[in-house]
Amino acid sequence: MKKWLGRTVLVLLLLLAVAVFGGAVYETLAARQAARDYPPTGQLLDIGGRRLHLDWRCSRPAWPRLAPRATRGNAHFMY
């Protein structure tokens, strides 16, 4: 009984590890594909060591908006 339970737990842990690894690979490939398919409009400027996205398309003339962009895997809340 203990042998069967130990093998079941091991198989479940291996399946979980494969699922996590597969999900990480999928997310990496999907992020690369999305970056190729949907390039940002405007310019990415280096301001104070951070890359900010400057997009000149705006509703008010002569007032560009600065939108923080997460780059190189950084989350948006780090800005």
N, C-alpha and C. Protein backbone atom coordinates (compact mmCIF):
# COMPACT_ATOMS: atom_id res chain seq x y z
N MET A 1 0.82 -1.19 0.00
CA MET A 1 0.00 0.00 0.00
C MET A 1 0.87 1.25 0.00
N LYS A 2 1.90 1.29 0.88
CA LYS A 2 2.77 2.46 0.95
C LYS A 2 3.55 2.64 -0.34
N LYS A 3 3.94 1.53 -0.96
CA LYS A 3 4.68 1.61 -2.21
C LYS A 3 3.81 2.23 -3.31
N TRP A 4 2.58 1.83 -3.39
CA TRP A 4 1.64 2.35 -4.39
C TRP A 4 1.39 3.83 -4.15
N LEU A 5 1.23 4.24 -2.90
CA LEU A 5 0.99 5.64 -2.56
C LEU A 5 2.21 6.50 -2.91
N GLY A 6 3.40 6.00 -2.63
CA GLY A 6 4.62 6.72 -2.94
C GLY A 6 4.79 6.93 -4.44
N ARG A 7 4.48 5.91 -5.23
CA ARG A 7 4.58 6.04 -6.69
C ARG A 7 3.54 7.02 -7.23
N THR A 8 2.36 6.99 -6.66
CA THR A 8 1.30 7.90 -7.10
C THR A 8 1.70 9.35 -6.83
N VAL A 9 2.23 9.61 -5.66
CA VAL A 9 2.67 10.96 -5.31
C VAL A 9 3.80 11.40 -6.24
N LEU A 10 4.73 10.50 -6.52
CA LEU A 10 5.85 10.82 -7.41
C LEU A 10 5.36 11.15 -8.81
N VAL A 11 4.43 10.36 -9.33
CA VAL A 11 3.88 10.62 -10.66
C VAL A 11 3.15 11.95 -10.69
N LEU A 12 2.39 12.25 -9.66
CA LEU A 12 1.68 13.52 -9.62
C LEU A 12 2.65 14.71 -9.55
N LEU A 13 3.72 14.57 -8.79
CA LEU A 13 4.72 15.63 -8.72
C LEU A 13 5.43 15.82 -10.06
N LEU A 14 5.72 14.72 -10.74
CA LEU A 14 6.34 14.82 -12.06
C LEU A 14 5.40 15.48 -13.06
N LEU A 15 4.13 15.14 -13.02
CA LEU A 15 3.15 15.77 -13.91
C LEU A 15 3.03 17.27 -13.63
N LEU A 16 3.07 17.64 -12.37
CA LEU A 16 3.03 19.05 -12.00
C LEU A 16 4.26 19.79 -12.52
N ALA A 17 5.43 19.17 -12.38
CA ALA A 17 6.67 19.79 -12.86
C ALA A 17 6.64 19.96 -14.38
N VAL A 18 6.15 18.96 -15.10
CA VAL A 18 6.04 19.06 -16.56
C VAL A 18 5.06 20.16 -16.95
N ALA A 19 3.95 20.27 -16.24
CA ALA A 19 2.97 21.32 -16.54
C ALA A 19 3.54 22.71 -16.29
N VAL A 20 4.26 22.88 -15.20
CA VAL A 20 4.86 24.18 -14.89
C VAL A 20 5.91 24.54 -15.94
N PHE A 21 6.77 23.60 -16.28
CA PHE A 21 7.81 23.85 -17.28
C PHE A 21 7.18 24.15 -18.64
N GLY A 22 6.18 23.37 -19.02
CA GLY A 22 5.50 23.61 -20.30
C GLY A 22 4.82 24.97 -20.34
N GLY A 23 4.22 25.38 -19.24
CA GLY A 23 3.59 26.69 -19.18
C GLY A 23 4.61 27.81 -19.30
N ALA A 24 5.76 27.65 -18.67
CA ALA A 24 6.81 28.68 -18.75
C ALA A 24 7.34 28.80 -20.18
N VAL A 25 7.54 27.67 -20.84
CA VAL A 25 8.01 27.70 -22.23
C VAL A 25 6.96 28.34 -23.12
N TYR A 26 5.71 27.97 -22.94
CA TYR A 26 4.63 28.55 -23.74
C TYR A 26 4.55 30.06 -23.57
N GLU A 27 4.62 30.54 -22.33
CA GLU A 27 4.54 31.97 -22.07
C GLU A 27 5.71 32.72 -22.70
N THR A 28 6.90 32.15 -22.64
CA THR A 28 8.08 32.79 -23.24
C THR A 28 7.92 32.90 -24.75
N LEU A 29 7.51 31.82 -25.38
CA LEU A 29 7.34 31.85 -26.83
C LEU A 29 6.20 32.79 -27.25
N ALA A 30 5.12 32.80 -26.49
CA ALA A 30 4.00 33.68 -26.82
C ALA A 30 4.38 35.15 -26.66
N ALA A 31 5.18 35.47 -25.64
CA ALA A 31 5.61 36.86 -25.45
C ALA A 31 6.51 37.31 -26.59
N ARG A 32 7.40 36.44 -27.05
CA ARG A 32 8.26 36.79 -28.19
C ARG A 32 7.43 37.00 -29.45
N GLN A 33 6.47 36.13 -29.68
CA GLN A 33 5.63 36.25 -30.87
C GLN A 33 4.80 37.54 -30.81
N ALA A 34 4.26 37.87 -29.66
CA ALA A 34 3.47 39.09 -29.52
C ALA A 34 4.33 40.33 -29.74
N ALA A 35 5.56 40.30 -29.27
CA ALA A 35 6.46 41.44 -29.49
C ALA A 35 6.77 41.62 -30.96
N ARG A 36 6.87 40.53 -31.71
CA ARG A 36 7.10 40.64 -33.16
C ARG A 36 5.84 41.10 -33.88
N ASP A 37 4.69 40.59 -33.48
CA ASP A 37 3.44 40.89 -34.18
C ASP A 37 2.91 42.29 -33.88
N TYR A 38 3.15 42.80 -32.68
CA TYR A 38 2.59 44.07 -32.25
C TYR A 38 3.67 44.99 -31.70
N PRO A 39 4.50 45.57 -32.59
CA PRO A 39 5.54 46.47 -32.09
C PRO A 39 4.90 47.74 -31.53
N PRO A 40 5.55 48.38 -30.56
CA PRO A 40 4.97 49.60 -29.98
C PRO A 40 5.04 50.76 -30.97
N THR A 41 4.03 51.61 -30.91
CA THR A 41 4.07 52.83 -31.71
C THR A 41 4.87 53.88 -30.96
N GLY A 42 5.33 54.90 -31.66
CA GLY A 42 6.09 55.95 -30.98
C GLY A 42 7.53 55.53 -30.76
N GLN A 43 8.11 56.03 -29.68
CA GLN A 43 9.51 55.79 -29.37
C GLN A 43 9.67 55.33 -27.93
N LEU A 44 10.71 54.52 -27.70
CA LEU A 44 11.09 54.18 -26.35
C LEU A 44 12.30 55.05 -26.00
N LEU A 45 12.16 55.89 -24.99
CA LEU A 45 13.22 56.80 -24.60
C LEU A 45 13.84 56.36 -23.29
N ASP A 46 15.15 56.55 -23.17
CA ASP A 46 15.85 56.25 -21.93
C ASP A 46 15.87 57.53 -21.10
N ILE A 47 15.11 57.54 -20.02
CA ILE A 47 15.02 58.71 -19.15
C ILE A 47 15.39 58.27 -17.74
N GLY A 48 16.52 58.72 -17.29
CA GLY A 48 16.95 58.39 -15.94
C GLY A 48 17.18 56.90 -15.72
N GLY A 49 17.67 56.21 -16.72
CA GLY A 49 17.92 54.79 -16.57
C GLY A 49 16.70 53.91 -16.78
N ARG A 50 15.56 54.51 -17.06
CA ARG A 50 14.34 53.75 -17.33
C ARG A 50 13.90 54.02 -18.76
N ARG A 51 13.32 53.01 -19.37
CA ARG A 51 12.83 53.16 -20.73
C ARG A 51 11.35 53.53 -20.68
N LEU A 52 11.03 54.71 -21.20
CA LEU A 52 9.65 55.19 -21.22
C LEU A 52 9.16 55.24 -22.66
N HIS A 53 7.91 54.93 -22.85
CA HIS A 53 7.32 54.92 -24.17
C HIS A 53 6.70 56.28 -24.45
N LEU A 54 7.20 56.97 -25.48
CA LEU A 54 6.68 58.27 -25.87
C LEU A 54 5.83 58.08 -27.12
N ASP A 55 4.55 58.33 -26.99
CA ASP A 55 3.62 58.16 -28.10
C ASP A 55 3.03 59.52 -28.44
N TRP A 56 3.30 60.00 -29.63
CA TRP A 56 2.87 61.34 -30.03
C TRP A 56 1.41 61.38 -30.47
N ARG A 57 0.76 60.25 -30.61
CA ARG A 57 -0.67 60.26 -30.97
C ARG A 57 -1.47 60.54 -29.71
N CYS A 58 -2.10 61.70 -29.65
CA CYS A 58 -2.86 62.04 -28.46
C CYS A 58 -4.07 62.87 -28.85
N SER A 59 -4.97 63.05 -27.93
CA SER A 59 -6.20 63.77 -28.21
C SER A 59 -6.00 65.28 -28.19
N ARG A 60 -5.05 65.76 -27.41
CA ARG A 60 -4.79 67.19 -27.34
C ARG A 60 -3.55 67.54 -28.15
N PRO A 61 -3.62 68.51 -29.02
CA PRO A 61 -2.43 68.87 -29.80
C PRO A 61 -1.31 69.37 -28.88
N ALA A 62 -0.09 69.05 -29.26
CA ALA A 62 1.12 69.51 -28.57
C ALA A 62 1.19 69.02 -27.12
N TRP A 63 0.51 67.96 -26.78
CA TRP A 63 0.61 67.42 -25.44
C TRP A 63 0.82 65.90 -25.55
N PRO A 64 2.07 65.48 -25.71
CA PRO A 64 2.28 64.03 -25.81
C PRO A 64 2.10 63.36 -24.45
N ARG A 65 1.69 62.16 -24.47
CA ARG A 65 1.53 61.43 -23.21
C ARG A 65 2.69 60.46 -23.05
N LEU A 66 3.13 60.32 -21.86
CA LEU A 66 4.16 59.34 -21.53
C LEU A 66 3.49 58.16 -20.85
N ALA A 67 3.67 57.00 -21.43
CA ALA A 67 3.07 55.79 -20.86
C ALA A 67 4.18 54.85 -20.44
N PRO A 68 4.32 54.55 -19.16
CA PRO A 68 5.36 53.60 -18.74
C PRO A 68 5.13 52.23 -19.37
N ARG A 69 6.17 51.65 -19.92
CA ARG A 69 6.11 50.33 -20.54
C ARG A 69 6.98 49.37 -19.78
N ALA A 70 6.46 48.22 -19.51
CA ALA A 70 7.28 47.18 -18.90
C ALA A 70 8.18 46.60 -19.98
N THR A 71 9.49 46.63 -19.77
CA THR A 71 10.42 46.09 -20.76
C THR A 71 11.29 45.04 -20.12
N ARG A 72 11.73 44.12 -20.91
CA ARG A 72 12.62 43.04 -20.47
C ARG A 72 12.04 42.25 -19.30
N GLY A 73 10.75 42.01 -19.33
CA GLY A 73 10.13 41.17 -18.31
C GLY A 73 9.82 41.86 -17.01
N ASN A 74 10.06 43.17 -16.91
CA ASN A 74 9.73 43.88 -15.68
C ASN A 74 8.23 44.10 -15.61
N ALA A 75 7.69 44.02 -14.44
CA ALA A 75 6.27 44.25 -14.26
C ALA A 75 5.98 45.74 -14.23
N HIS A 76 4.78 46.11 -14.57
CA HIS A 76 4.41 47.53 -14.65
C HIS A 76 4.46 48.22 -13.30
N PHE A 77 4.28 47.49 -12.22
CA PHE A 77 4.25 48.12 -10.91
C PHE A 77 5.63 48.50 -10.42
N MET A 78 6.68 48.19 -11.15
CA MET A 78 8.02 48.54 -10.74
C MET A 78 8.38 49.99 -11.09
N TYR A 79 7.52 50.68 -11.81
CA TYR A 79 7.81 52.04 -12.23
C TYR A 79 7.41 53.01 -11.20
